């Protein structure tokens, strides 16, 4: 994924709002390609409108989506979700959409909401895979009190 983002962010392979679907294979315990092939898509999101080079990479096929979820679970994300559910007193959680997000250039942040009308039961979970050492905080998180904004490096 890091190699893919090096190409997407440095080589400008996509124009604003363009996307492409590509195949990826994983290997099984015998170091042979697994089946079925996993289809993924990459999208350069609103880069002209918002003056940044954000790209999303997400599962396109069901096999890719399941592989992504299995990988998250293997990394301990299932335990994180169980803890969130317990703390928020939820009976169940649904993972609606998972994706990678990469940005290497951004002029300024734009405060917005991705999830609406869920009675505060829908939310994004964002965590870094790779952070540039010494970079400044790039993600602004606003509290219910609009005067409280915390910036984090992600």
C-alpha atoms as a PDB file:
ATOM      1  CA  UNK A   1       0.000   0.000   0.000  1.00  0.00           C
ATOM      2  CA  UNK A   2       2.909   2.337   0.722  1.00  0.00           C
ATOM      3  CA  UNK A   3       4.341   1.707  -2.758  1.00  0.00           C
ATOM      4  CA  UNK A   4       0.941   2.388  -4.322  1.00  0.00           C
ATOM      5  CA  UNK A   5       0.654   5.687  -2.454  1.00  0.00           C
ATOM      6  CA  UNK A   6       4.165   6.688  -3.520  1.00  0.00           C
ATOM      7  CA  UNK A   7       2.961   6.375  -7.116  1.00  0.00           C
ATOM      8  CA  UNK A   8      -0.418   8.053  -6.555  1.00  0.00           C
ATOM      9  CA  UNK A   9       0.928  11.018  -4.594  1.00  0.00           C
ATOM     10  CA  UNK A  10       4.187  11.621  -6.434  1.00  0.00           C
ATOM     11  CA  UNK A  11       3.438  10.718 -10.050  1.00  0.00           C
ATOM     12  CA  UNK A  12       0.017  12.419 -10.390  1.00  0.00           C
ATOM     13  CA  UNK A  13      -1.460   9.386 -12.152  1.00  0.00           C
ATOM     14  CA  UNK A  14      -5.033  10.585 -11.524  1.00  0.00           C
ATOM     15  CA  UNK A  15      -6.726  13.922 -12.171  1.00  0.00           C
ATOM     16  CA  UNK A  16      -9.148  15.422  -9.634  1.00  0.00           C
ATOM     17  CA  UNK A  17     -12.100  13.074  -9.004  1.00  0.00           C
ATOM     18  CA  UNK A  18     -10.723  10.386 -11.328  1.00  0.00           C
ATOM     19  CA  UNK A  19     -10.551   6.802 -10.142  1.00  0.00           C
ATOM     20  CA  UNK A  20      -9.424   3.457 -11.449  1.00  0.00           C
ATOM     21  CA  UNK A  21     -10.033  -0.146 -10.496  1.00  0.00           C
ATOM     22  CA  UNK A  22      -7.095  -2.510 -10.213  1.00  0.00           C
ATOM     23  CA  UNK A  23      -6.433  -6.121  -9.252  1.00  0.00           C
ATOM     24  CA  UNK A  24      -4.280  -7.167  -6.355  1.00  0.00           C
ATOM     25  CA  UNK A  25      -3.354 -10.620  -5.210  1.00  0.00           C
ATOM     26  CA  UNK A  26      -2.406 -11.807  -1.787  1.00  0.00           C
ATOM     27  CA  UNK A  27      -0.353 -14.861  -1.020  1.00  0.00           C
ATOM     28  CA  UNK A  28      -1.429 -17.809   1.078  1.00  0.00           C
ATOM     29  CA  UNK A  29       0.708 -19.807   3.504  1.00  0.00           C
ATOM     30  CA  UNK A  30       2.290 -21.691   0.582  1.00  0.00           C
ATOM     31  CA  UNK A  31       3.408 -18.341  -0.883  1.00  0.00           C
ATOM     32  CA  UNK A  32       1.132 -18.869  -3.891  1.00  0.00           C
ATOM     33  CA  UNK A  33      -1.379 -16.296  -5.150  1.00  0.00           C
ATOM     34  CA  UNK A  34      -4.731 -16.658  -3.453  1.00  0.00           C
ATOM     35  CA  UNK A  35      -8.022 -16.700  -5.282  1.00  0.00           C
ATOM     36  CA  UNK A  36     -10.198 -14.897  -6.037  1.00  0.00           C
ATOM     37  CA  UNK A  37      -8.282 -11.843  -7.105  1.00  0.00           C
ATOM     38  CA  UNK A  38      -9.023  -8.789  -5.061  1.00  0.00           C
ATOM     39  CA  UNK A  39     -10.290  -5.759  -6.937  1.00  0.00           C
ATOM     40  CA  UNK A  40      -9.547  -2.373  -5.390  1.00  0.00           C
ATOM     41  CA  UNK A  41     -10.115   1.184  -6.510  1.00  0.00           C
ATOM     42  CA  UNK A  42      -8.082   4.335  -6.108  1.00  0.00           C
ATOM     43  CA  UNK A  43      -9.656   7.796  -6.288  1.00  0.00           C
ATOM     44  CA  UNK A  44      -8.127  11.259  -6.243  1.00  0.00           C
ATOM     45  CA  UNK A  45     -10.751  13.160  -4.273  1.00  0.00           C
ATOM     46  CA  UNK A  46     -11.725  16.795  -5.030  1.00  0.00           C
ATOM     47  CA  UNK A  47      -8.123  17.897  -5.369  1.00  0.00           C
ATOM     48  CA  UNK A  48      -8.946  20.880  -7.595  1.00  0.00           C
ATOM     49  CA  UNK A  49     -11.764  22.099  -5.365  1.00  0.00           C
ATOM     50  CA  UNK A  50      -9.947  21.706  -2.040  1.00  0.00           C
ATOM     51  CA  UNK A  51      -6.315  22.220  -3.186  1.00  0.00           C
ATOM     52  CA  UNK A  52      -4.829  18.984  -1.862  1.00  0.00           C
ATOM     53  CA  UNK A  53      -3.826  15.597  -3.229  1.00  0.00           C
ATOM     54  CA  UNK A  54      -5.889  13.235  -1.091  1.00  0.00           C
ATOM     55  CA  UNK A  55      -6.362   9.760  -2.520  1.00  0.00           C
ATOM     56  CA  UNK A  56      -8.574   6.976  -1.225  1.00  0.00           C
ATOM     57  CA  UNK A  57      -7.895   3.312  -1.850  1.00  0.00           C
ATOM     58  CA  UNK A  58     -10.807   1.028  -1.024  1.00  0.00           C
ATOM     59  CA  UNK A  59     -12.061  -2.450  -1.685  1.00  0.00           C
ATOM     60  CA  UNK A  60     -14.023  -2.756  -4.931  1.00  0.00           C
ATOM     61  CA  UNK A  61     -14.874  -6.452  -4.745  1.00  0.00           C
ATOM     62  CA  UNK A  62     -16.333  -8.435  -1.880  1.00  0.00           C
ATOM     63  CA  UNK A  63     -13.168 -10.552  -1.629  1.00  0.00           C
ATOM     64  CA  UNK A  64     -11.083  -7.371  -1.191  1.00  0.00           C
ATOM     65  CA  UNK A  65     -13.496  -6.007   1.421  1.00  0.00           C
ATOM     66  CA  UNK A  66     -13.364  -9.240   3.429  1.00  0.00           C
ATOM     67  CA  UNK A  67      -9.577  -9.343   3.130  1.00  0.00           C
ATOM     68  CA  UNK A  68      -9.355  -5.759   4.433  1.00  0.00           C
ATOM     69  CA  UNK A  69     -11.613  -6.561   7.402  1.00  0.00           C
ATOM     70  CA  UNK A  70      -9.662  -9.747   8.198  1.00  0.00           C
ATOM     71  CA  UNK A  71      -6.438  -7.737   8.151  1.00  0.00           C
ATOM     72  CA  UNK A  72      -7.870  -5.154  10.534  1.00  0.00           C
ATOM     73  CA  UNK A  73      -9.077  -7.895  12.863  1.00  0.00           C
ATOM     74  CA  UNK A  74      -5.690  -9.611  12.753  1.00  0.00           C
ATOM     75  CA  UNK A  75      -4.101  -6.285  13.792  1.00  0.00           C
ATOM     76  CA  UNK A  76      -6.400  -6.064  16.848  1.00  0.00           C
ATOM     77  CA  UNK A  77      -9.060  -3.747  15.471  1.00  0.00           C
ATOM     78  CA  UNK A  78     -11.800  -6.184  16.481  1.00  0.00           C
ATOM     79  CA  UNK A  79     -10.815  -5.662  20.108  1.00  0.00           C
ATOM     80  CA  UNK A  80     -10.845  -1.892  19.592  1.00  0.00           C
ATOM     81  CA  UNK A  81     -14.369  -2.079  18.175  1.00  0.00           C
ATOM     82  CA  UNK A  82     -15.527  -4.282  21.058  1.00  0.00           C
ATOM     83  CA  UNK A  83     -14.179  -1.723  23.527  1.00  0.00           C
ATOM     84  CA  UNK A  84     -15.872   1.151  21.686  1.00  0.00           C
ATOM     85  CA  UNK A  85     -19.165  -0.751  21.668  1.00  0.00           C
ATOM     86  CA  UNK A  86     -18.912  -1.455  25.389  1.00  0.00           C
ATOM     87  CA  UNK A  87     -18.014   2.148  26.270  1.00  0.00           C
ATOM     88  CA  UNK A  88     -20.837   3.563  24.133  1.00  0.00           C
ATOM     89  CA  UNK A  89     -23.294   0.902  25.370  1.00  0.00           C
ATOM     90  CA  UNK A  90     -24.038  -0.310  21.856  1.00  0.00           C
ATOM     91  CA  UNK A  91     -25.460  -3.767  21.147  1.00  0.00           C
ATOM     92  CA  UNK A  92     -23.716  -4.046  17.783  1.00  0.00           C
ATOM     93  CA  UNK A  93     -21.435  -2.214  15.387  1.00  0.00           C
ATOM     94  CA  UNK A  94     -21.415  -2.199  11.605  1.00  0.00           C
ATOM     95  CA  UNK A  95     -18.346  -1.394   9.581  1.00  0.00           C
ATOM     96  CA  UNK A  96     -19.940   0.498   6.706  1.00  0.00           C
ATOM     97  CA  UNK A  97     -16.864   1.390   4.687  1.00  0.00           C
ATOM     98  CA  UNK A  98     -13.128   0.908   5.113  1.00  0.00           C
ATOM     99  CA  UNK A  99     -10.456   2.632   3.081  1.00  0.00           C
ATOM    100  CA  UNK A 100      -6.919   3.887   3.105  1.00  0.00           C
ATOM    101  CA  UNK A 101      -6.444   7.624   2.797  1.00  0.00           C
ATOM    102  CA  UNK A 102      -3.214   9.293   1.756  1.00  0.00           C
ATOM    103  CA  UNK A 103      -2.247  12.958   1.508  1.00  0.00           C
ATOM    104  CA  UNK A 104       1.154  14.544   0.968  1.00  0.00           C
ATOM    105  CA  UNK A 105       0.122  18.114   0.096  1.00  0.00           C
ATOM    106  CA  UNK A 106      -2.663  20.257   1.567  1.00  0.00           C
ATOM    107  CA  UNK A 107      -3.033  24.037   1.729  1.00  0.00           C
ATOM    108  CA  UNK A 108      -5.516  24.125   4.633  1.00  0.00           C
ATOM    109  CA  UNK A 109      -8.117  22.009   6.353  1.00  0.00           C
ATOM    110  CA  UNK A 110     -11.840  22.155   5.726  1.00  0.00           C
ATOM    111  CA  UNK A 111     -14.045  21.394   8.720  1.00  0.00           C
ATOM    112  CA  UNK A 112     -16.839  19.048   7.653  1.00  0.00           C
ATOM    113  CA  UNK A 113     -18.943  16.097   8.766  1.00  0.00           C
ATOM    114  CA  UNK A 114     -18.922  12.751   6.956  1.00  0.00           C
ATOM    115  CA  UNK A 115     -21.748  11.085   8.901  1.00  0.00           C
ATOM    116  CA  UNK A 116     -25.181  12.664   9.408  1.00  0.00           C
ATOM    117  CA  UNK A 117     -28.454  11.913  11.197  1.00  0.00           C
ATOM    118  CA  UNK A 118     -27.303   8.895  13.200  1.00  0.00           C
ATOM    119  CA  UNK A 119     -28.239  10.163  16.662  1.00  0.00           C
ATOM    120  CA  UNK A 120     -24.483  10.291  17.412  1.00  0.00           C
ATOM    121  CA  UNK A 121     -24.118   6.572  16.692  1.00  0.00           C
ATOM    122  CA  UNK A 122     -22.260   6.895  13.401  1.00  0.00           C
ATOM    123  CA  UNK A 123     -18.671   8.029  13.262  1.00  0.00           C
ATOM    124  CA  UNK A 124     -15.334   7.768  11.492  1.00  0.00           C
ATOM    125  CA  UNK A 125     -12.369   6.009  12.987  1.00  0.00           C
ATOM    126  CA  UNK A 126      -9.111   7.331  11.550  1.00  0.00           C
ATOM    127  CA  UNK A 127      -5.668   6.104  12.549  1.00  0.00           C
ATOM    128  CA  UNK A 128      -2.263   6.543  10.932  1.00  0.00           C
ATOM    129  CA  UNK A 129      -0.347   3.799   9.203  1.00  0.00           C
ATOM    130  CA  UNK A 130       2.615   6.006   8.420  1.00  0.00           C
ATOM    131  CA  UNK A 131       3.378   9.536   9.620  1.00  0.00           C
ATOM    132  CA  UNK A 132       6.136  11.769   8.296  1.00  0.00           C
ATOM    133  CA  UNK A 133       8.560  12.449  11.173  1.00  0.00           C
ATOM    134  CA  UNK A 134       8.526  16.098  12.220  1.00  0.00           C
ATOM    135  CA  UNK A 135       5.397  16.967  10.264  1.00  0.00           C
ATOM    136  CA  UNK A 136       2.841  19.293  11.804  1.00  0.00           C
ATOM    137  CA  UNK A 137      -0.653  18.299  12.909  1.00  0.00           C
ATOM    138  CA  UNK A 138      -2.932  18.031   9.882  1.00  0.00           C
ATOM    139  CA  UNK A 139      -6.316  16.815  11.070  1.00  0.00           C
ATOM    140  CA  UNK A 140      -8.566  19.176  13.018  1.00  0.00           C
ATOM    141  CA  UNK A 141     -11.159  17.534  15.259  1.00  0.00           C
ATOM    142  CA  UNK A 142     -13.953  19.732  16.503  1.00  0.00           C
ATOM    143  CA  UNK A 143     -15.811  19.011  19.744  1.00  0.00           C
ATOM    144  CA  UNK A 144     -19.542  19.475  20.268  1.00  0.00           C
ATOM    145  CA  UNK A 145     -18.508  22.947  21.418  1.00  0.00           C
ATOM    146  CA  UNK A 146     -17.429  24.505  18.106  1.00  0.00           C
ATOM    147  CA  UNK A 147     -14.876  26.634  19.978  1.00  0.00           C
ATOM    148  CA  UNK A 148     -12.874  23.533  20.916  1.00  0.00           C
ATOM    149  CA  UNK A 149     -10.683  22.216  18.114  1.00  0.00           C
ATOM    150  CA  UNK A 150      -7.855  19.735  18.598  1.00  0.00           C
ATOM    151  CA  UNK A 151      -5.266  19.105  15.890  1.00  0.00           C
ATOM    152  CA  UNK A 152      -3.604  15.724  15.493  1.00  0.00           C
ATOM    153  CA  UNK A 153      -0.957  14.224  13.276  1.00  0.00           C
ATOM    154  CA  UNK A 154      -2.311  11.403  11.141  1.00  0.00           C
END
